[in-house]
Amino acid sequence: MAEERIREAVELIRNFLKDRHITVDKIIVFGSYAKGNYTKDSDLDIAIVSCDFDGKDIFQKAEMLKGLKWSLVENFMLPFDIIPLSLKEWQESSALVVDFVKEGEVLSP
């Protein structure tokens, strides 16, 4: 997926979140697409950091993002991995996934 298509996907995410009144603190592409070593079988890894995820468990975050993954797959014909992180998780967590995400490229707010 070319850089332009990644930006289009980020724009779709931004609009999806805006329509649901979810604040976007950061949208980060990480993994093989961010590193430039993706293959035809790679998924596109994207983290969404939002203060609106603060205090929410994984099920509540999933409900907030319901329909996003399908919309991305439908528009780009590519598998996506979406990681929702609260602002607190982004700033304070030492979780492995946050370490991977922090190596990515911030493409938004």
PDB file of N, CA and C in Angstrom:
ATOM      1  N   MET A   1       0.875  -1.178   0.000  1.00  0.00           N
ATOM      2  CA  MET A   1       0.000   0.000   0.000  1.00  0.00           C
ATOM      3  C   MET A   1       0.909   1.224   0.000  1.00  0.00           C
ATOM      4  N   ALA A   2       0.714   2.073  -0.943  1.00  0.00           N
ATOM      5  CA  ALA A   2       1.542   3.266  -1.068  1.00  0.00           C
ATOM      6  C   ALA A   2       1.258   4.232   0.073  1.00  0.00           C
ATOM      7  N   GLU A   3       2.201   5.125   0.280  1.00  0.00           N
ATOM      8  CA  GLU A   3       2.067   6.126   1.342  1.00  0.00           C
ATOM      9  C   GLU A   3       0.765   6.918   1.213  1.00  0.00           C
ATOM     10  N   GLU A   4       0.374   7.214  -0.013  1.00  0.00           N
ATOM     11  CA  GLU A   4      -0.874   7.963  -0.234  1.00  0.00           C
ATOM     12  C   GLU A   4      -2.084   7.175   0.267  1.00  0.00           C
ATOM     13  N   ARG A   5      -2.097   5.876   0.040  1.00  0.00           N
ATOM     14  CA  ARG A   5      -3.212   5.037   0.511  1.00  0.00           C
ATOM     15  C   ARG A   5      -3.244   4.980   2.035  1.00  0.00           C
ATOM     16  N   ILE A   6      -2.081   4.977   2.662  1.00  0.00           N
ATOM     17  CA  ILE A   6      -2.037   5.006   4.129  1.00  0.00           C
ATOM     18  C   ILE A   6      -2.648   6.307   4.623  1.00  0.00           C
ATOM     19  N   ARG A   7      -2.291   7.395   4.007  1.00  0.00           N
ATOM     20  CA  ARG A   7      -2.868   8.694   4.397  1.00  0.00           C
ATOM     21  C   ARG A   7      -4.385   8.711   4.174  1.00  0.00           C
ATOM     22  N   GLU A   8      -4.847   8.084   3.110  1.00  0.00           N
ATOM     23  CA  GLU A   8      -6.295   7.987   2.877  1.00  0.00           C
ATOM     24  C   GLU A   8      -6.970   7.177   3.987  1.00  0.00           C
ATOM     25  N   ALA A   9      -6.323   6.101   4.414  1.00  0.00           N
ATOM     26  CA  ALA A   9      -6.870   5.285   5.504  1.00  0.00           C
ATOM     27  C   ALA A   9      -6.919   6.089   6.798  1.00  0.00           C
ATOM     28  N   VAL A  10      -5.874   6.852   7.067  1.00  0.00           N
ATOM     29  CA  VAL A  10      -5.843   7.692   8.268  1.00  0.00           C
ATOM     30  C   VAL A  10      -6.951   8.744   8.197  1.00  0.00           C
ATOM     31  N   GLU A  11      -7.178   9.297   7.027  1.00  0.00           N
ATOM     32  CA  GLU A  11      -8.252  10.281   6.861  1.00  0.00           C
ATOM     33  C   GLU A  11      -9.618   9.640   7.108  1.00  0.00           C
ATOM     34  N   LEU A  12      -9.816   8.424   6.624  1.00  0.00           N
ATOM     35  CA  LEU A  12     -11.067   7.715   6.881  1.00  0.00           C
ATOM     36  C   LEU A  12     -11.253   7.507   8.381  1.00  0.00           C
ATOM     37  N   ILE A  13     -10.186   7.122   9.066  1.00  0.00           N
ATOM     38  CA  ILE A  13     -10.248   6.931  10.522  1.00  0.00           C
ATOM     39  C   ILE A  13     -10.587   8.249  11.208  1.00  0.00           C
ATOM     40  N   ARG A  14      -9.908   9.309  10.822  1.00  0.00           N
ATOM     41  CA  ARG A  14     -10.148  10.623  11.425  1.00  0.00           C
ATOM     42  C   ARG A  14     -11.619  11.026  11.266  1.00  0.00           C
ATOM     43  N   ASN A  15     -12.166  10.832  10.079  1.00  0.00           N
ATOM     44  CA  ASN A  15     -13.570  11.182   9.832  1.00  0.00           C
ATOM     45  C   ASN A  15     -14.526  10.289  10.618  1.00  0.00           C
ATOM     46  N   PHE A  16     -14.214   9.002  10.699  1.00  0.00           N
ATOM     47  CA  PHE A  16     -15.028   8.066  11.481  1.00  0.00           C
ATOM     48  C   PHE A  16     -15.097   8.526  12.935  1.00  0.00           C
ATOM     49  N   LEU A  17     -13.949   8.869  13.495  1.00  0.00           N
ATOM     50  CA  LEU A  17     -13.888   9.303  14.893  1.00  0.00           C
ATOM     51  C   LEU A  17     -14.603  10.641  15.085  1.00  0.00           C
ATOM     52  N   LYS A  18     -14.418  11.548  14.150  1.00  0.00           N
ATOM     53  CA  LYS A  18     -15.076  12.859  14.232  1.00  0.00           C
ATOM     54  C   LYS A  18     -16.592  12.700  14.228  1.00  0.00           C
ATOM     55  N   ASP A  19     -17.096  11.830  13.359  1.00  0.00           N
ATOM     56  CA  ASP A  19     -18.541  11.590  13.283  1.00  0.00           C
ATOM     57  C   ASP A  19     -19.102  11.037  14.590  1.00  0.00           C
ATOM     58  N   ARG A  20     -18.264  10.368  15.367  1.00  0.00           N
ATOM     59  CA  ARG A  20     -18.683   9.785  16.645  1.00  0.00           C
ATOM     60  C   ARG A  20     -18.250  10.638  17.839  1.00  0.00           C
ATOM     61  N   HIS A  21     -17.765  11.832  17.545  1.00  0.00           N
ATOM     62  CA  HIS A  21     -17.341  12.785  18.581  1.00  0.00           C
ATOM     63  C   HIS A  21     -16.274  12.182  19.499  1.00  0.00           C
ATOM     64  N   ILE A  22     -15.347  11.440  18.895  1.00  0.00           N
ATOM     65  CA  ILE A  22     -14.216  10.869  19.626  1.00  0.00           C
ATOM     66  C   ILE A  22     -12.999  11.729  19.320  1.00  0.00           C
ATOM     67  N   THR A  23     -12.389  12.260  20.359  1.00  0.00           N
ATOM     68  CA  THR A  23     -11.207  13.103  20.220  1.00  0.00           C
ATOM     69  C   THR A  23     -10.032  12.278  19.703  1.00  0.00           C
ATOM     70  N   VAL A  24      -9.301  12.831  18.754  1.00  0.00           N
ATOM     71  CA  VAL A  24      -8.101  12.177  18.239  1.00  0.00           C
ATOM     72  C   VAL A  24      -6.890  12.904  18.806  1.00  0.00           C
ATOM     73  N   ASP A  25      -6.142  12.216  19.662  1.00  0.00           N
ATOM     74  CA  ASP A  25      -4.884  12.782  20.143  1.00  0.00           C
ATOM     75  C   ASP A  25      -3.740  12.392  19.217  1.00  0.00           C
ATOM     76  N   LYS A  26      -3.759  11.143  18.739  1.00  0.00           N
ATOM     77  CA  LYS A  26      -2.745  10.676  17.794  1.00  0.00           C
ATOM     78  C   LYS A  26      -3.312   9.508  17.000  1.00  0.00           C
ATOM     79  N   ILE A  27      -2.921   9.414  15.744  1.00  0.00           N
ATOM     80  CA  ILE A  27      -3.118   8.211  14.939  1.00  0.00           C
ATOM     81  C   ILE A  27      -1.730   7.813  14.475  1.00  0.00           C
ATOM     82  N   ILE A  28      -1.350   6.589  14.792  1.00  0.00           N
ATOM     83  CA  ILE A  28       0.024   6.148  14.559  1.00  0.00           C
ATOM     84  C   ILE A  28       0.025   4.870  13.730  1.00  0.00           C
ATOM     85  N   VAL A  29       0.771   4.880  12.640  1.00  0.00           N
ATOM     86  CA  VAL A  29       1.000   3.670  11.859  1.00  0.00           C
ATOM     87  C   VAL A  29       2.290   3.052  12.378  1.00  0.00           C
ATOM     88  N   PHE A  30       2.222   1.761  12.704  1.00  0.00           N
ATOM     89  CA  PHE A  30       3.417   1.081  13.206  1.00  0.00           C
ATOM     90  C   PHE A  30       3.531  -0.284  12.540  1.00  0.00           C
ATOM     91  N   GLY A  31       4.569  -1.009  12.865  1.00  0.00           N
ATOM     92  CA  GLY A  31       4.760  -2.332  12.274  1.00  0.00           C
ATOM     93  C   GLY A  31       5.429  -2.245  10.918  1.00  0.00           C
ATOM     94  N   SER A  32       5.160  -3.247  10.091  1.00  0.00           N
ATOM     95  CA  SER A  32       5.884  -3.384   8.823  1.00  0.00           C
ATOM     96  C   SER A  32       5.652  -2.221   7.858  1.00  0.00           C
ATOM     97  N   TYR A  33       4.457  -1.630   7.854  1.00  0.00           N
ATOM     98  CA  TYR A  33       4.224  -0.492   6.951  1.00  0.00           C
ATOM     99  C   TYR A  33       5.021   0.731   7.385  1.00  0.00           C
ATOM    100  N   ALA A  34       5.129   0.949   8.679  1.00  0.00           N
ATOM    101  CA  ALA A  34       5.909   2.091   9.172  1.00  0.00           C
ATOM    102  C   ALA A  34       7.396   1.884   8.908  1.00  0.00           C
ATOM    103  N   LYS A  35       7.832   0.632   8.989  1.00  0.00           N
ATOM    104  CA  LYS A  35       9.250   0.325   8.774  1.00  0.00           C
ATOM    105  C   LYS A  35       9.599   0.198   7.296  1.00  0.00           C
ATOM    106  N   GLY A  36       8.577   0.041   6.463  1.00  0.00           N
ATOM    107  CA  GLY A  36       8.819  -0.087   5.033  1.00  0.00           C
ATOM    108  C   GLY A  36       9.176  -1.488   4.587  1.00  0.00           C
ATOM    109  N   ASN A  37       8.991  -2.486   5.454  1.00  0.00           N
ATOM    110  CA  ASN A  37       9.335  -3.857   5.074  1.00  0.00           C
ATOM    111  C   ASN A  37       8.095  -4.753   4.979  1.00  0.00           C
ATOM    112  N   TYR A  38       6.979  -4.172   4.563  1.00  0.00           N
ATOM    113  CA  TYR A  38       5.737  -4.924   4.434  1.00  0.00           C
ATOM    114  C   TYR A  38       5.771  -5.806   3.186  1.00  0.00           C
ATOM    115  N   THR A  39       4.917  -6.833   3.205  1.00  0.00           N
ATOM    116  CA  THR A  39       4.753  -7.727   2.061  1.00  0.00           C
ATOM    117  C   THR A  39       3.287  -7.704   1.643  1.00  0.00           C
ATOM    118  N   LYS A  40       2.949  -8.447   0.613  1.00  0.00           N
ATOM    119  CA  LYS A  40       1.557  -8.494   0.157  1.00  0.00           C
ATOM    120  C   LYS A  40       0.642  -9.117   1.207  1.00  0.00           C
ATOM    121  N   ASP A  41       1.192  -9.860   2.152  1.00  0.00           N
ATOM    122  CA  ASP A  41       0.397 -10.507   3.199  1.00  0.00           C
ATOM    123  C   ASP A  41       0.349  -9.707   4.495  1.00  0.00           C
ATOM    124  N   SER A  42       0.989  -8.557   4.542  1.00  0.00           N
ATOM    125  CA  SER A  42       1.043  -7.756   5.771  1.00  0.00           C
ATOM    126  C   SER A  42      -0.289  -7.071   6.042  1.00  0.00           C
ATOM    127  N   ASP A  43      -0.581  -6.915   7.337  1.00  0.00           N
ATOM    128  CA  ASP A  43      -1.714  -6.071   7.705  1.00  0.00           C
ATOM    129  C   ASP A  43      -1.173  -4.682   8.024  1.00  0.00           C
ATOM    130  N   LEU A  44      -2.075  -3.729   8.076  1.00  0.00           N
ATOM    131  CA  LEU A  44      -1.688  -2.356   8.411  1.00  0.00           C
ATOM    132  C   LEU A  44      -2.024  -2.128   9.876  1.00  0.00           C
ATOM    133  N   ASP A  45      -0.994  -1.898  10.682  1.00  0.00           N
ATOM    134  CA  ASP A  45      -1.149  -1.707  12.125  1.00  0.00           C
ATOM    135  C   ASP A  45      -1.320  -0.225  12.424  1.00  0.00           C
ATOM    136  N   ILE A  46      -2.424   0.099  13.096  1.00  0.00           N
ATOM    137  CA  ILE A  46      -2.714   1.493  13.423  1.00  0.00           C
ATOM    138  C   ILE A  46      -3.145   1.591  14.877  1.00  0.00           C
ATOM    139  N   ALA A  47      -2.538   2.527  15.597  1.00  0.00           N
ATOM    140  CA  ALA A  47      -2.954   2.825  16.969  1.00  0.00           C
ATOM    141  C   ALA A  47      -3.701   4.150  16.962  1.00  0.00           C
ATOM    142  N   ILE A  48      -4.779   4.178  17.720  1.00  0.00           N
ATOM    143  CA  ILE A  48      -5.549   5.406  17.897  1.00  0.00           C
ATOM    144  C   ILE A  48      -5.439   5.785  19.361  1.00  0.00           C
ATOM    145  N   VAL A  49      -4.857   6.942  19.628  1.00  0.00           N
ATOM    146  CA  VAL A  49      -4.721   7.438  20.996  1.00  0.00           C
ATOM    147  C   VAL A  49      -5.771   8.523  21.192  1.00  0.00           C
ATOM    148  N   SER A  50      -6.601   8.337  22.234  1.00  0.00           N
ATOM    149  CA  SER A  50      -7.668   9.301  22.496  1.00  0.00           C
ATOM    150  C   SER A  50      -7.936   9.406  23.987  1.00  0.00           C
ATOM    151  N   CYS A  51      -8.088  10.633  24.459  1.00  0.00           N
ATOM    152  CA  CYS A  51      -8.471  10.845  25.854  1.00  0.00           C
ATOM    153  C   CYS A  51      -9.872  10.288  26.117  1.00  0.00           C
ATOM    154  N   ASP A  52     -10.666  10.114  25.072  1.00  0.00           N
ATOM    155  CA  ASP A  52     -12.006   9.549  25.236  1.00  0.00           C
ATOM    156  C   ASP A  52     -11.971   8.061  25.577  1.00  0.00           C
ATOM    157  N   PHE A  53     -10.823   7.417  25.419  1.00  0.00           N
ATOM    158  CA  PHE A  53     -10.672   6.016  25.818  1.00  0.00           C
ATOM    159  C   PHE A  53     -10.272   5.880  27.285  1.00  0.00           C
ATOM    160  N   ASP A  54      -9.933   7.002  27.943  1.00  0.00           N
ATOM    161  CA  ASP A  54      -9.531   6.956  29.357  1.00  0.00           C
ATOM    162  C   ASP A  54     -10.639   6.320  30.189  1.00  0.00           C
ATOM    163  N   GLY A  55     -10.257   5.364  31.034  1.00  0.00           N
ATOM    164  CA  GLY A  55     -11.208   4.706  31.925  1.00  0.00           C
ATOM    165  C   GLY A  55     -12.070   3.653  31.258  1.00  0.00           C
ATOM    166  N   LYS A  56     -11.869   3.420  29.970  1.00  0.00           N
ATOM    167  CA  LYS A  56     -12.665   2.431  29.243  1.00  0.00           C
ATOM    168  C   LYS A  56     -11.905   1.106  29.175  1.00  0.00           C
ATOM    169  N   ASP A  57     -12.653  -0.003  29.297  1.00  0.00           N
ATOM    170  CA  ASP A  57     -12.010  -1.301  29.108  1.00  0.00           C
ATOM    171  C   ASP A  57     -12.011  -1.642  27.615  1.00  0.00           C
ATOM    172  N   ILE A  58     -11.398  -2.756  27.273  1.00  0.00           N
ATOM    173  CA  ILE A  58     -11.238  -3.123  25.865  1.00  0.00           C
ATOM    174  C   ILE A  58     -12.578  -3.295  25.161  1.00  0.00           C
ATOM    175  N   PHE A  59     -13.589  -3.778  25.889  1.00  0.00           N
ATOM    176  CA  PHE A  59     -14.904  -3.982  25.282  1.00  0.00           C
ATOM    177  C   PHE A  59     -15.594  -2.649  24.991  1.00  0.00           C
ATOM    178  N   GLN A  60     -15.441  -1.698  25.891  1.00  0.00           N
ATOM    179  CA  GLN A  60     -16.021  -0.371  25.671  1.00  0.00           C
ATOM    180  C   GLN A  60     -15.327   0.337  24.511  1.00  0.00           C
ATOM    181  N   LYS A  61     -14.014   0.186  24.427  1.00  0.00           N
ATOM    182  CA  LYS A  61     -13.278   0.778  23.305  1.00  0.00           C
ATOM    183  C   LYS A  61     -13.719   0.145  21.987  1.00  0.00           C
ATOM    184  N   ALA A  62     -13.881  -1.175  21.997  1.00  0.00           N
ATOM    185  CA  ALA A  62     -14.324  -1.875  20.784  1.00  0.00           C
ATOM    186  C   ALA A  62     -15.701  -1.387  20.350  1.00  0.00           C
ATOM    187  N   GLU A  63     -16.586  -1.170  21.306  1.00  0.00           N
ATOM    188  CA  GLU A  63     -17.926  -0.663  20.989  1.00  0.00           C
ATOM    189  C   GLU A  63     -17.839   0.740  20.379  1.00  0.00           C
ATOM    190  N   MET A  64     -16.940   1.559  20.904  1.00  0.00           N
ATOM    191  CA  MET A  64     -16.770   2.914  20.373  1.00  0.00           C
ATOM    192  C   MET A  64     -16.275   2.897  18.923  1.00  0.00           C
ATOM    193  N   LEU A  65     -15.493   1.869  18.579  1.00  0.00           N
ATOM    194  CA  LEU A  65     -14.901   1.779  17.242  1.00  0.00           C
ATOM    195  C   LEU A  65     -15.651   0.816  16.327  1.00  0.00           C
ATOM    196  N   LYS A  66     -16.799   0.356  16.781  1.00  0.00           N
ATOM    197  CA  LYS A  66     -17.582  -0.628  16.030  1.00  0.00           C
ATOM    198  C   LYS A  66     -17.830  -0.144  14.601  1.00  0.00           C
ATOM    199  N   GLY A  67     -17.469  -0.977  13.645  1.00  0.00           N
ATOM    200  CA  GLY A  67     -17.668  -0.657  12.235  1.00  0.00           C
ATOM    201  C   GLY A  67     -16.448  -0.077  11.544  1.00  0.00           C
ATOM    202  N   LEU A  68     -15.485   0.409  12.314  1.00  0.00           N
ATOM    203  CA  LEU A  68     -14.307   1.043  11.707  1.00  0.00           C
ATOM    204  C   LEU A  68     -13.484   0.044  10.897  1.00  0.00           C
ATOM    205  N   LYS A  69     -13.178  -1.090  11.492  1.00  0.00           N
ATOM    206  CA  LYS A  69     -12.330  -2.070  10.820  1.00  0.00           C
ATOM    207  C   LYS A  69     -12.975  -2.532   9.509  1.00  0.00           C
ATOM    208  N   TRP A  70     -14.273  -2.812   9.559  1.00  0.00           N
ATOM    209  CA  TRP A  70     -14.972  -3.251   8.351  1.00  0.00           C
ATOM    210  C   TRP A  70     -14.911  -2.166   7.273  1.00  0.00           C
ATOM    211  N   SER A  71     -15.111  -0.933   7.656  1.00  0.00           N
ATOM    212  CA  SER A  71     -15.061   0.172   6.705  1.00  0.00           C
ATOM    213  C   SER A  71     -13.685   0.269   6.052  1.00  0.00           C
ATOM    214  N   LEU A  72     -12.643   0.087   6.842  1.00  0.00           N
ATOM    215  CA  LEU A  72     -11.282   0.135   6.304  1.00  0.00           C
ATOM    216  C   LEU A  72     -11.029  -1.017   5.337  1.00  0.00           C
ATOM    217  N   VAL A  73     -11.391  -2.223   5.742  1.00  0.00           N
ATOM    218  CA  VAL A  73     -11.180  -3.390   4.884  1.00  0.00           C
ATOM    219  C   VAL A  73     -11.973  -3.246   3.585  1.00  0.00           C
ATOM    220  N   GLU A  74     -13.203  -2.802   3.708  1.00  0.00           N
ATOM    221  CA  GLU A  74     -14.068  -2.633   2.542  1.00  0.00           C
ATOM    222  C   GLU A  74     -13.494  -1.604   1.559  1.00  0.00           C
ATOM    223  N   ASN A  75     -12.937  -0.527   2.077  1.00  0.00           N
ATOM    224  CA  ASN A  75     -12.405   0.541   1.224  1.00  0.00           C
ATOM    225  C   ASN A  75     -11.021   0.255   0.670  1.00  0.00           C
ATOM    226  N   PHE A  76     -10.205  -0.493   1.421  1.00  0.00           N
ATOM    227  CA  PHE A  76      -8.810  -0.664   1.027  1.00  0.00           C
ATOM    228  C   PHE A  76      -8.423  -2.100   0.710  1.00  0.00           C
ATOM    229  N   MET A  77      -9.341  -3.050   0.921  1.00  0.00           N
ATOM    230  CA  MET A  77      -9.095  -4.465   0.614  1.00  0.00           C
ATOM    231  C   MET A  77      -7.775  -4.954   1.208  1.00  0.00           C
ATOM    232  N   LEU A  78      -7.599  -4.649   2.479  1.00  0.00           N
ATOM    233  CA  LEU A  78      -6.373  -4.969   3.196  1.00  0.00           C
ATOM    234  C   LEU A  78      -6.735  -5.222   4.652  1.00  0.00           C
ATOM    235  N   PRO A  79      -6.116  -6.210   5.307  1.00  0.00           N
ATOM    236  CA  PRO A  79      -6.406  -6.407   6.726  1.00  0.00           C
ATOM    237  C   PRO A  79      -5.785  -5.296   7.577  1.00  0.00           C
ATOM    238  N   PHE A  80      -6.513  -4.889   8.588  1.00  0.00           N
ATOM    239  CA  PHE A  80      -6.069  -3.838   9.504  1.00  0.00           C
ATOM    240  C   PHE A  80      -6.049  -4.378  10.922  1.00  0.00           C
ATOM    241  N   ASP A  81      -5.102  -3.912  11.707  1.00  0.00           N
ATOM    242  CA  ASP A  81      -5.079  -4.177  13.141  1.00  0.00           C
ATOM    243  C   ASP A  81      -5.170  -2.817  13.823  1.00  0.00           C
ATOM    244  N   ILE A  82      -6.276  -2.581  14.522  1.00  0.00           N
ATOM    245  CA  ILE A  82      -6.527  -1.293  15.165  1.00  0.00           C
ATOM    246  C   ILE A  82      -6.335  -1.452  16.667  1.00  0.00           C
ATOM    247  N   ILE A  83      -5.458  -0.640  17.260  1.00  0.00           N
ATOM    248  CA  ILE A  83      -5.178  -0.671  18.693  1.00  0.00           C
ATOM    249  C   ILE A  83      -5.654   0.646  19.305  1.00  0.00           C
ATOM    250  N   PRO A  84      -6.741   0.614  20.087  1.00  0.00           N
ATOM    251  CA  PRO A  84      -7.185   1.834  20.771  1.00  0.00           C
ATOM    252  C   PRO A  84      -6.446   1.998  22.101  1.00  0.00           C
ATOM    253  N   LEU A  85      -5.853   3.152  22.313  1.00  0.00           N
ATOM    254  CA  LEU A  85      -5.124   3.435  23.553  1.00  0.00           C
ATOM    255  C   LEU A  85      -5.641   4.731  24.166  1.00  0.00           C
ATOM    256  N   SER A  86      -5.820   4.709  25.468  1.00  0.00           N
ATOM    257  CA  SER A  86      -6.170   5.953  26.152  1.00  0.00           C
ATOM    258  C   SER A  86      -4.927   6.832  26.205  1.00  0.00           C
ATOM    259  N   LEU A  87      -5.129   8.100  26.436  1.00  0.00           N
ATOM    260  CA  LEU A  87      -4.000   9.015  26.555  1.00  0.00           C
ATOM    261  C   LEU A  87      -3.105   8.590  27.715  1.00  0.00           C
ATOM    262  N   LYS A  88      -3.723   8.141  28.792  1.00  0.00           N
ATOM    263  CA  LYS A  88      -2.962   7.673  29.953  1.00  0.00           C
ATOM    264  C   LYS A  88      -2.124   6.441  29.596  1.00  0.00           C
ATOM    265  N   GLU A  89      -2.715   5.486  28.865  1.00  0.00           N
ATOM    266  CA  GLU A  89      -1.958   4.300  28.445  1.00  0.00           C
ATOM    267  C   GLU A  89      -0.781   4.702  27.568  1.00  0.00           C
ATOM    268  N   TRP A  90      -0.999   5.642  26.681  1.00  0.00           N
ATOM    269  CA  TRP A  90       0.058   6.105  25.786  1.00  0.00           C
ATOM    270  C   TRP A  90       1.195   6.757  26.568  1.00  0.00           C
ATOM    271  N   GLN A  91       0.853   7.576  27.552  1.00  0.00           N
ATOM    272  CA  GLN A  91       1.858   8.329  28.292  1.00  0.00           C
ATOM    273  C   GLN A  91       2.564   7.501  29.357  1.00  0.00           C
ATOM    274  N   GLU A  92       1.861   6.562  29.978  1.00  0.00           N
ATOM    275  CA  GLU A  92       2.403   5.904  31.166  1.00  0.00           C
ATOM    276  C   GLU A  92       2.724   4.429  31.011  1.00  0.00           C
ATOM    277  N   SER A  93       2.161   3.773  30.041  1.00  0.00           N
ATOM    278  CA  SER A  93       2.273   2.320  29.980  1.00  0.00           C
ATOM    279  C   SER A  93       3.656   1.874  29.535  1.00  0.00           C
ATOM    280  N   SER A  94       4.066   0.766  30.107  1.00  0.00           N
ATOM    281  CA  SER A  94       5.302   0.129  29.661  1.00  0.00           C
ATOM    282  C   SER A  94       4.964  -1.175  28.944  1.00  0.00           C
ATOM    283  N   ALA A  95       3.714  -1.333  28.549  1.00  0.00           N
ATOM    284  CA  ALA A  95       3.284  -2.542  27.854  1.00  0.00           C
ATOM    285  C   ALA A  95       4.036  -2.680  26.535  1.00  0.00           C
ATOM    286  N   LEU A  96       4.272  -3.907  26.143  1.00  0.00           N
ATOM    287  CA  LEU A  96       5.015  -4.198  24.925  1.00  0.00           C
ATOM    288  C   LEU A  96       4.370  -3.564  23.696  1.00  0.00           C
ATOM    289  N   VAL A  97       3.043  -3.621  23.611  1.00  0.00           N
ATOM    290  CA  VAL A  97       2.373  -3.052  22.441  1.00  0.00           C
ATOM    291  C   VAL A  97       2.611  -1.552  22.342  1.00  0.00           C
ATOM    292  N   VAL A  98       2.653  -0.874  23.471  1.00  0.00           N
ATOM    293  CA  VAL A  98       2.908   0.566  23.440  1.00  0.00           C
ATOM    294  C   VAL A  98       4.325   0.827  22.947  1.00  0.00           C
ATOM    295  N   ASP A  99       5.274  -0.015  23.335  1.00  0.00           N
ATOM    296  CA  ASP A  99       6.640   0.127  22.841  1.00  0.00           C
ATOM    297  C   ASP A  99       6.685  -0.002  21.318  1.00  0.00           C
ATOM    298  N   PHE A 100       5.963  -0.983  20.767  1.00  0.00           N
ATOM    299  CA  PHE A 100       5.910  -1.145  19.312  1.00  0.00           C
ATOM    300  C   PHE A 100       5.272   0.071  18.655  1.00  0.00           C
ATOM    301  N   VAL A 101       4.197   0.551  19.245  1.00  0.00           N
ATOM    302  CA  VAL A 101       3.491   1.702  18.682  1.00  0.00           C
ATOM    303  C   VAL A 101       4.378   2.934  18.704  1.00  0.00           C
ATOM    304  N   LYS A 102       5.125   3.125  19.778  1.00  0.00           N
ATOM    305  CA  LYS A 102       5.975   4.318  19.889  1.00  0.00           C
ATOM    306  C   LYS A 102       7.086   4.337  18.851  1.00  0.00           C
ATOM    307  N   GLU A 103       7.381   3.178  18.246  1.00  0.00           N
ATOM    308  CA  GLU A 103       8.356   3.129  17.161  1.00  0.00           C
ATOM    309  C   GLU A 103       7.733   3.529  15.823  1.00  0.00           C
ATOM    310  N   GLY A 104       6.417   3.709  15.806  1.00  0.00           N
ATOM    311  CA  GLY A 104       5.706   4.009  14.568  1.00  0.00           C
ATOM    312  C   GLY A 104       5.773   5.468  14.177  1.00  0.00           C
ATOM    313  N   GLU A 105       5.040   5.793  13.130  1.00  0.00           N
ATOM    314  CA  GLU A 105       5.011   7.146  12.582  1.00  0.00           C
ATOM    315  C   GLU A 105       3.671   7.800  12.909  1.00  0.00           C
ATOM    316  N   VAL A 106       3.721   8.919  13.620  1.00  0.00           N
ATOM    317  CA  VAL A 106       2.506   9.660  13.956  1.00  0.00           C
ATOM    318  C   VAL A 106       2.039  10.393  12.702  1.00  0.00           C
ATOM    319  N   LEU A 107       0.822  10.090  12.276  1.00  0.00           N
ATOM    320  CA  LEU A 107       0.286  10.711  11.063  1.00  0.00           C
ATOM    321  C   LEU A 107      -0.850  11.677  11.345  1.00  0.00           C
ATOM    322  N   SER A 108      -1.253  11.796  12.591  1.00  0.00           N
ATOM    323  CA  SER A 108      -2.349  12.690  12.927  1.00  0.00           C
ATOM    324  C   SER A 108      -2.216  13.022  14.390  1.00  0.00           C
ATOM    325  N   PRO A 109      -2.547  14.174  14.856  1.00  0.00           N
ATOM    326  CA  PRO A 109      -3.870  14.727  14.786  1.00  0.00           C
ATOM    327  C   PRO A 109      -4.066  15.566  13.595  1.00  0.00           C
TER     328      PRO A 109
END
